[in-house]
C-alpha cells in the first residue's frame, strides 16, 4: 500500500481511538446530569443540539448531497429506529448500574448486534470464530448479570444491553449509506429526535421543569461529546477496515471503567471484572483472526 493509503489508515485508526475516548465520556455526563432531565427528554434535546451543530458544519464544508429516498429507504428506516433506541436506555442504565458496567454491557450488545445484523443485512458469514466469540460474550454477560441483578435491577442491565444491540444495527445501517460522515451523522441523530419524542409520550414520561442551571452546561458538553464520538467513528470506518475498527473500539470499555473509577469511585466486583475481560476477548477473537488471515496490521 502506498504512503497516502498508509497515512489514511493511520488517520482512520486515530479517529476510532478518539471516538472510543468520547464514548467513554458518555457515562460521565450522564452521571453529572442525573435526573435533571427525563430519560427521553434529555435524548430529544441532545439530539436537537447535535443535528443543529452538524448541519452548520456540513453546510459550511459543503458535505451535504441529495438523498436517494427510494434506493436507501431501508437504511434510513433502520438508522432512524435504531438511533431512537440508544440514548434513552443507555442513559437510564448508566444512572443505575454505573459508568463501567453500562459501558461493558453496551459493548457486549454491540458485538452481538454487529454479528447478527451483519449476517442478516450484509450476508456476512457466521464463522466458527464468531460462534466462539458469541459464547464468550454470553459468559461475560452472565458474570456481570449474576452479582448485579439483585442489587442493580434486571431492567437497567437489559437497557444497557439493548442500547448496544441498537448501536450495532445503527453501525451496519450507517455503513450501507453512501453519504459523507457528517450527513450520515445528521440522518442518524434526526432519527433520535423523532423516535425519542414519540417514546416520551408513549411512556408518559413526566416533563421536568427546565431551570437554567449547571445541568444545561452538562447537556451541551454531552452533545459536543456525542458529535465528536459519532463523527469520528463513522469517518474512521470509512478509512480502515471493520477489523481494525472493532479492535480499537474495545478501548471504549477501558475508558468507561477508568472514568467510573476516577470520577465516581466505582469498583466493579471480581466476577463483573472477569465478565468485562470475557467481553473484550469476545470482541477481539474474530478481528485477530481477520488480521492473521490478511497478514497485515492496522496501519497497512
Protein backbone atom coordinates (compact mmCIF):
# COMPACT_ATOMS: atom_id res chain seq x y z
CA UNK A 1 0.00 0.00 0.00
CA UNK A 2 1.39 3.41 -0.88
CA UNK A 3 2.27 6.21 1.52
CA UNK A 4 -1.02 8.03 1.04
CA UNK A 5 -3.02 4.94 1.90
CA UNK A 6 -0.90 4.29 4.97
CA UNK A 7 -1.48 7.85 6.10
CA UNK A 8 -5.23 7.48 5.60
CA UNK A 9 -5.28 4.21 7.54
CA UNK A 10 -3.33 5.73 10.42
CA UNK A 11 -5.71 8.69 10.47
CA UNK A 12 -8.72 6.33 10.44
CA UNK A 13 -7.29 4.34 13.34
CA UNK A 14 -6.69 7.51 15.36
CA UNK A 15 -10.28 8.57 14.71
CA UNK A 16 -11.67 5.29 16.07
CA UNK A 17 -9.50 5.58 19.19
CA UNK A 18 -10.73 9.16 19.60
CA UNK A 19 -14.33 8.00 19.27
CA UNK A 20 -13.76 5.38 21.99
CA UNK A 21 -12.50 8.08 24.34
CA UNK A 22 -15.56 10.24 23.74
CA UNK A 23 -17.96 7.29 24.01
CA UNK A 24 -16.34 6.55 27.35
CA UNK A 25 -17.24 10.09 28.45
CA UNK A 26 -20.95 9.44 27.84
CA UNK A 27 -21.30 7.97 31.30
CA UNK A 28 -19.56 10.92 32.94
CA UNK A 29 -22.02 13.49 31.54
CA UNK A 30 -24.93 11.15 32.29
CA UNK A 31 -23.98 10.85 35.95
CA UNK A 32 -23.39 14.59 36.26
CA UNK A 33 -26.77 15.42 34.68
CA UNK A 34 -28.51 12.89 36.89
CA UNK A 35 -32.28 13.35 36.99
CA UNK A 36 -32.22 16.99 35.85
CA UNK A 37 -33.93 15.85 32.64
CA UNK A 38 -36.25 12.99 31.81
CA UNK A 39 -34.64 9.93 30.21
CA UNK A 40 -36.13 10.59 26.77
CA UNK A 41 -36.35 14.34 27.30
CA UNK A 42 -32.56 14.66 27.51
CA UNK A 43 -32.24 12.47 24.40
CA UNK A 44 -34.51 14.83 22.43
CA UNK A 45 -32.65 17.97 23.48
CA UNK A 46 -29.24 16.40 22.95
CA UNK A 47 -30.20 15.10 19.51
CA UNK A 48 -31.51 18.54 18.53
CA UNK A 49 -28.22 20.15 19.53
CA UNK A 50 -26.21 17.54 17.63
CA UNK A 51 -28.26 17.94 14.44
CA UNK A 52 -28.19 21.75 14.60
CA UNK A 53 -24.40 21.88 15.04
CA UNK A 54 -23.75 19.20 12.42
CA UNK A 55 -25.98 20.98 9.89
CA UNK A 56 -23.89 24.13 10.28
CA UNK A 57 -20.65 22.16 9.90
CA UNK A 58 -21.87 20.08 6.95
CA UNK A 59 -23.30 23.12 5.14
CA UNK A 60 -20.14 25.13 5.65
CA UNK A 61 -17.97 22.26 4.40
CA UNK A 62 -20.41 21.50 1.55
CA UNK A 63 -20.76 17.87 2.65
CA UNK A 64 -24.50 17.55 2.01
CA UNK A 65 -25.69 15.69 -1.08
CA UNK A 66 -29.18 14.80 -2.38
CA UNK A 67 -30.84 11.91 -0.53
CA UNK A 68 -31.92 8.90 -2.57
CA UNK A 69 -35.10 8.10 -0.65
CA UNK A 70 -36.24 5.09 -2.66
CA UNK A 71 -32.85 3.48 -3.04
CA UNK A 72 -31.82 3.89 0.60
CA UNK A 73 -35.26 3.68 2.26
CA UNK A 74 -34.40 0.52 4.21
CA UNK A 75 -31.19 2.00 5.62
CA UNK A 76 -32.92 5.27 6.51
CA UNK A 77 -35.60 3.37 8.41
CA UNK A 78 -33.13 1.15 10.26
CA UNK A 79 -30.91 4.13 11.12
CA UNK A 80 -33.82 6.20 12.43
CA UNK A 81 -35.34 3.39 14.51
CA UNK A 82 -32.04 2.20 15.98
CA UNK A 83 -30.91 5.76 16.78
CA UNK A 84 -34.03 6.28 18.87
CA UNK A 85 -33.35 3.13 20.89
CA UNK A 86 -29.84 4.03 22.07
CA UNK A 87 -29.73 7.28 24.08
CA UNK A 88 -32.66 6.78 26.45
CA UNK A 89 -31.94 3.19 27.56
CA UNK A 90 -28.20 3.85 27.94
CA UNK A 91 -28.86 6.99 29.98
CA UNK A 92 -31.23 5.06 32.25
CA UNK A 93 -28.77 2.18 32.63
CA UNK A 94 -25.76 4.38 33.39
CA UNK A 95 -27.59 6.18 36.20
CA UNK A 96 -28.43 2.86 37.83
CA UNK A 97 -25.57 0.45 37.16
CA UNK A 98 -22.66 2.89 36.80
CA UNK A 99 -20.37 4.04 34.03
CA UNK A 100 -18.12 0.97 33.80
CA UNK A 101 -20.79 -1.74 33.87
CA UNK A 102 -23.03 0.17 31.46
CA UNK A 103 -20.12 0.54 29.01
CA UNK A 104 -19.29 -3.18 29.22
CA UNK A 105 -22.89 -4.32 28.77
CA UNK A 106 -23.43 -1.88 25.93
CA UNK A 107 -20.31 -3.10 24.16
CA UNK A 108 -21.41 -6.72 24.55
CA UNK A 109 -24.63 -5.73 22.80
CA UNK A 110 -22.63 -4.02 20.05
CA UNK A 111 -20.60 -7.21 19.47
CA UNK A 112 -23.70 -9.39 19.25
CA UNK A 113 -25.53 -6.77 17.18
CA UNK A 114 -22.73 -6.40 14.66
CA UNK A 115 -22.52 -10.19 14.24
CA UNK A 116 -26.29 -10.66 14.00
CA UNK A 117 -27.20 -7.70 11.79
CA UNK A 118 -24.07 -8.11 9.67
CA UNK A 119 -25.27 -11.66 8.96
CA UNK A 120 -28.85 -10.56 8.26
CA UNK A 121 -28.25 -7.47 6.13
CA UNK A 122 -24.73 -7.93 4.73
CA UNK A 123 -24.67 -11.71 4.39
CA UNK A 124 -21.54 -11.87 6.49
CA UNK A 125 -20.59 -15.46 7.33
CA UNK A 126 -21.13 -16.55 10.93
CA UNK A 127 -17.82 -18.34 11.28
CA UNK A 128 -16.62 -20.72 13.96
CA UNK A 129 -14.60 -17.87 15.44
CA UNK A 130 -17.73 -15.75 15.70
CA UNK A 131 -19.57 -18.60 17.44
CA UNK A 132 -16.73 -18.80 19.97
CA UNK A 133 -16.82 -15.03 20.39
CA UNK A 134 -20.58 -15.11 20.87
CA UNK A 135 -20.20 -17.77 23.54
CA UNK A 136 -17.56 -15.71 25.34
CA UNK A 137 -19.81 -12.64 25.14
CA UNK A 138 -22.61 -14.57 26.84
CA UNK A 139 -20.19 -15.81 29.51
CA UNK A 140 -19.20 -12.21 30.13
CA UNK A 141 -22.84 -11.16 30.33
CA UNK A 142 -23.57 -13.94 32.81
CA UNK A 143 -20.66 -12.87 35.02
CA UNK A 144 -21.91 -9.28 35.06
CA UNK A 145 -25.59 -10.12 35.50
CA UNK A 146 -25.08 -12.72 38.24
CA UNK A 147 -23.78 -10.44 41.02
CA UNK A 148 -25.63 -7.35 39.82
CA UNK A 149 -29.21 -8.32 39.03
CA UNK A 150 -30.42 -8.33 42.66
CA UNK A 151 -28.74 -5.07 43.67
CA UNK A 152 -28.92 -3.06 40.45
CA UNK A 153 -32.08 -4.43 38.85
CA UNK A 154 -32.69 -6.53 35.74
CA UNK A 155 -34.30 -3.72 33.75
CA UNK A 156 -31.26 -1.42 33.99
CA UNK A 157 -28.89 -4.19 32.93
CA UNK A 158 -31.09 -5.14 29.98
CA UNK A 159 -31.38 -1.47 28.98
CA UNK A 160 -27.59 -1.19 28.56
CA UNK A 161 -27.52 -4.42 26.54
CA UNK A 162 -30.40 -3.23 24.33
CA UNK A 163 -28.63 0.08 23.69
CA UNK A 164 -25.63 -1.89 22.44
CA UNK A 165 -27.74 -4.06 20.13
CA UNK A 166 -29.34 -0.91 18.70
CA UNK A 167 -25.88 0.62 18.21
CA UNK A 168 -24.76 -2.47 16.29
CA UNK A 169 -27.76 -2.13 13.99
CA UNK A 170 -27.08 1.59 13.59
CA UNK A 171 -23.46 0.98 12.57
CA UNK A 172 -24.50 -1.58 9.95
CA UNK A 173 -27.09 0.84 8.54
CA UNK A 174 -24.59 3.73 8.55
CA UNK A 175 -22.04 1.67 6.63
CA UNK A 176 -24.63 1.00 3.95
CA UNK A 177 -25.46 4.67 3.33
CA UNK A 178 -23.23 6.25 0.63
CA UNK A 179 -23.07 9.71 2.17
CA UNK A 180 -20.42 11.74 3.95
CA UNK A 181 -19.71 11.09 7.64
CA UNK A 182 -21.33 14.41 8.54
CA UNK A 183 -24.51 13.71 6.58
CA UNK A 184 -24.76 10.16 7.91
CA UNK A 185 -24.40 11.53 11.45
CA UNK A 186 -27.20 14.04 10.79
CA UNK A 187 -29.51 11.32 9.46
CA UNK A 188 -28.89 9.09 12.49
CA UNK A 189 -29.42 11.83 15.08
CA UNK A 190 -32.51 13.17 13.31
CA UNK A 191 -33.96 9.73 13.87
CA UNK A 192 -33.10 10.12 17.54
CA UNK A 193 -35.21 13.28 17.73
CA UNK A 194 -38.25 11.70 16.10
CA UNK A 195 -38.24 8.38 17.96
CA UNK A 196 -37.48 9.88 21.37
CA UNK A 197 -40.32 12.41 21.05
CA UNK A 198 -42.67 9.51 20.36
CA UNK A 199 -41.25 7.48 23.27
CA UNK A 200 -41.61 10.47 25.60
CA UNK A 201 -45.36 10.43 25.05
CA UNK A 202 -45.81 6.65 24.78
CA UNK A 203 -44.12 6.10 28.14
CA UNK A 204 -45.93 9.03 29.75
CA UNK A 205 -42.62 10.47 30.88
CA UNK A 206 -43.20 13.44 33.13
CA UNK A 207 -41.66 16.61 31.76
CA UNK A 208 -39.13 18.03 34.18
CA UNK A 209 -39.29 21.72 34.84
CA UNK A 210 -36.48 23.26 32.86
CA UNK A 211 -34.44 25.53 35.08
CA UNK A 212 -31.32 27.02 33.58
CA UNK A 213 -28.64 25.63 35.84
CA UNK A 214 -25.37 23.71 35.53
CA UNK A 215 -27.20 20.68 34.07
CA UNK A 216 -27.65 22.61 30.81
CA UNK A 217 -23.89 23.04 30.54
CA UNK A 218 -23.51 19.28 31.01
CA UNK A 219 -26.14 18.70 28.31
CA UNK A 220 -24.28 20.94 25.85
CA UNK A 221 -20.98 19.21 26.66
CA UNK A 222 -22.74 15.86 26.25
CA UNK A 223 -23.97 16.95 22.81
CA UNK A 224 -20.48 18.09 21.76
CA UNK A 225 -19.08 14.78 23.01
CA UNK A 226 -21.75 12.93 21.01
CA UNK A 227 -20.78 14.80 17.85
CA UNK A 228 -17.10 14.01 18.32
CA UNK A 229 -17.83 10.33 19.06
CA UNK A 230 -20.34 9.77 16.23
CA UNK A 231 -18.45 11.66 13.54
CA UNK A 232 -15.10 10.12 14.49
CA UNK A 233 -16.29 6.52 14.34
CA UNK A 234 -18.30 6.99 11.12
CA UNK A 235 -15.38 8.76 9.43
CA UNK A 236 -12.92 6.24 10.81
CA UNK A 237 -14.71 3.14 9.49
CA UNK A 238 -14.69 4.70 6.04
CA UNK A 239 -10.86 4.78 6.13
CA UNK A 240 -9.98 1.48 7.82
CA UNK A 241 -11.49 -1.98 7.71
CA UNK A 242 -14.05 -3.25 10.19
CA UNK A 243 -11.48 -5.49 11.88
CA UNK A 244 -9.27 -2.57 12.83
CA UNK A 245 -12.27 -0.52 13.99
CA UNK A 246 -13.54 -3.40 16.10
CA UNK A 247 -10.26 -3.90 17.92
CA UNK A 248 -9.69 -0.21 18.57
CA UNK A 249 -13.30 0.21 19.67
CA UNK A 250 -12.57 -2.08 22.62
CA UNK A 251 -10.97 0.92 24.29
CA UNK A 252 -14.50 2.19 24.96
CA UNK A 253 -14.82 -0.33 27.81
CA UNK A 254 -11.41 0.62 29.18
CA UNK A 255 -12.19 4.35 29.12
CA UNK A 256 -15.62 3.74 30.65
CA UNK A 257 -14.22 1.72 33.55
CA UNK A 258 -11.36 4.19 34.15
CA UNK A 259 -13.69 7.20 34.13
CA UNK A 260 -16.07 5.44 36.50
CA UNK A 261 -13.25 4.69 38.92
CA UNK A 262 -11.69 8.16 38.70
CA UNK A 263 -14.78 10.34 38.92
CA UNK A 264 -17.36 8.23 40.76
CA UNK A 265 -15.28 5.76 42.82
CA UNK A 266 -16.85 2.78 41.04
CA UNK A 267 -15.29 -0.57 41.85
CA UNK A 268 -16.59 -3.49 39.76
CA UNK A 269 -16.82 -6.79 41.60
CA UNK A 270 -14.30 -9.51 40.76
CA UNK A 271 -16.92 -11.51 38.85
CA UNK A 272 -18.05 -8.43 36.93
CA UNK A 273 -14.43 -7.65 36.07
CA UNK A 274 -13.99 -11.20 34.74
CA UNK A 275 -17.10 -10.62 32.65
CA UNK A 276 -15.60 -7.45 31.19
CA UNK A 277 -12.43 -9.32 30.24
CA UNK A 278 -14.52 -12.05 28.58
CA UNK A 279 -16.41 -9.42 26.56
CA UNK A 280 -13.13 -7.82 25.42
CA UNK A 281 -11.83 -11.24 24.33
CA UNK A 282 -15.13 -11.96 22.58
CA UNK A 283 -14.78 -8.81 20.51
CA UNK A 284 -11.10 -9.38 19.78
CA UNK A 285 -11.23 -13.00 18.55
CA UNK A 286 -12.79 -12.54 15.09
CA UNK A 287 -10.75 -9.42 14.39
CA UNK A 288 -7.44 -11.01 15.43
CA UNK A 289 -8.30 -13.88 13.09
CA UNK A 290 -9.04 -11.29 10.39
CA UNK A 291 -5.53 -9.82 10.75
CA UNK A 292 -3.92 -13.25 10.83
CA UNK A 293 -5.58 -14.23 7.55
CA UNK A 294 -4.62 -10.94 5.90
CA UNK A 295 -1.13 -10.91 7.46
CA UNK A 296 -1.39 -7.17 7.86
CA UNK A 297 -1.59 -4.52 10.53
CA UNK A 298 -3.93 -1.68 11.38
CA UNK A 299 -1.80 0.92 9.64
CA UNK A 300 -1.34 -1.02 6.40
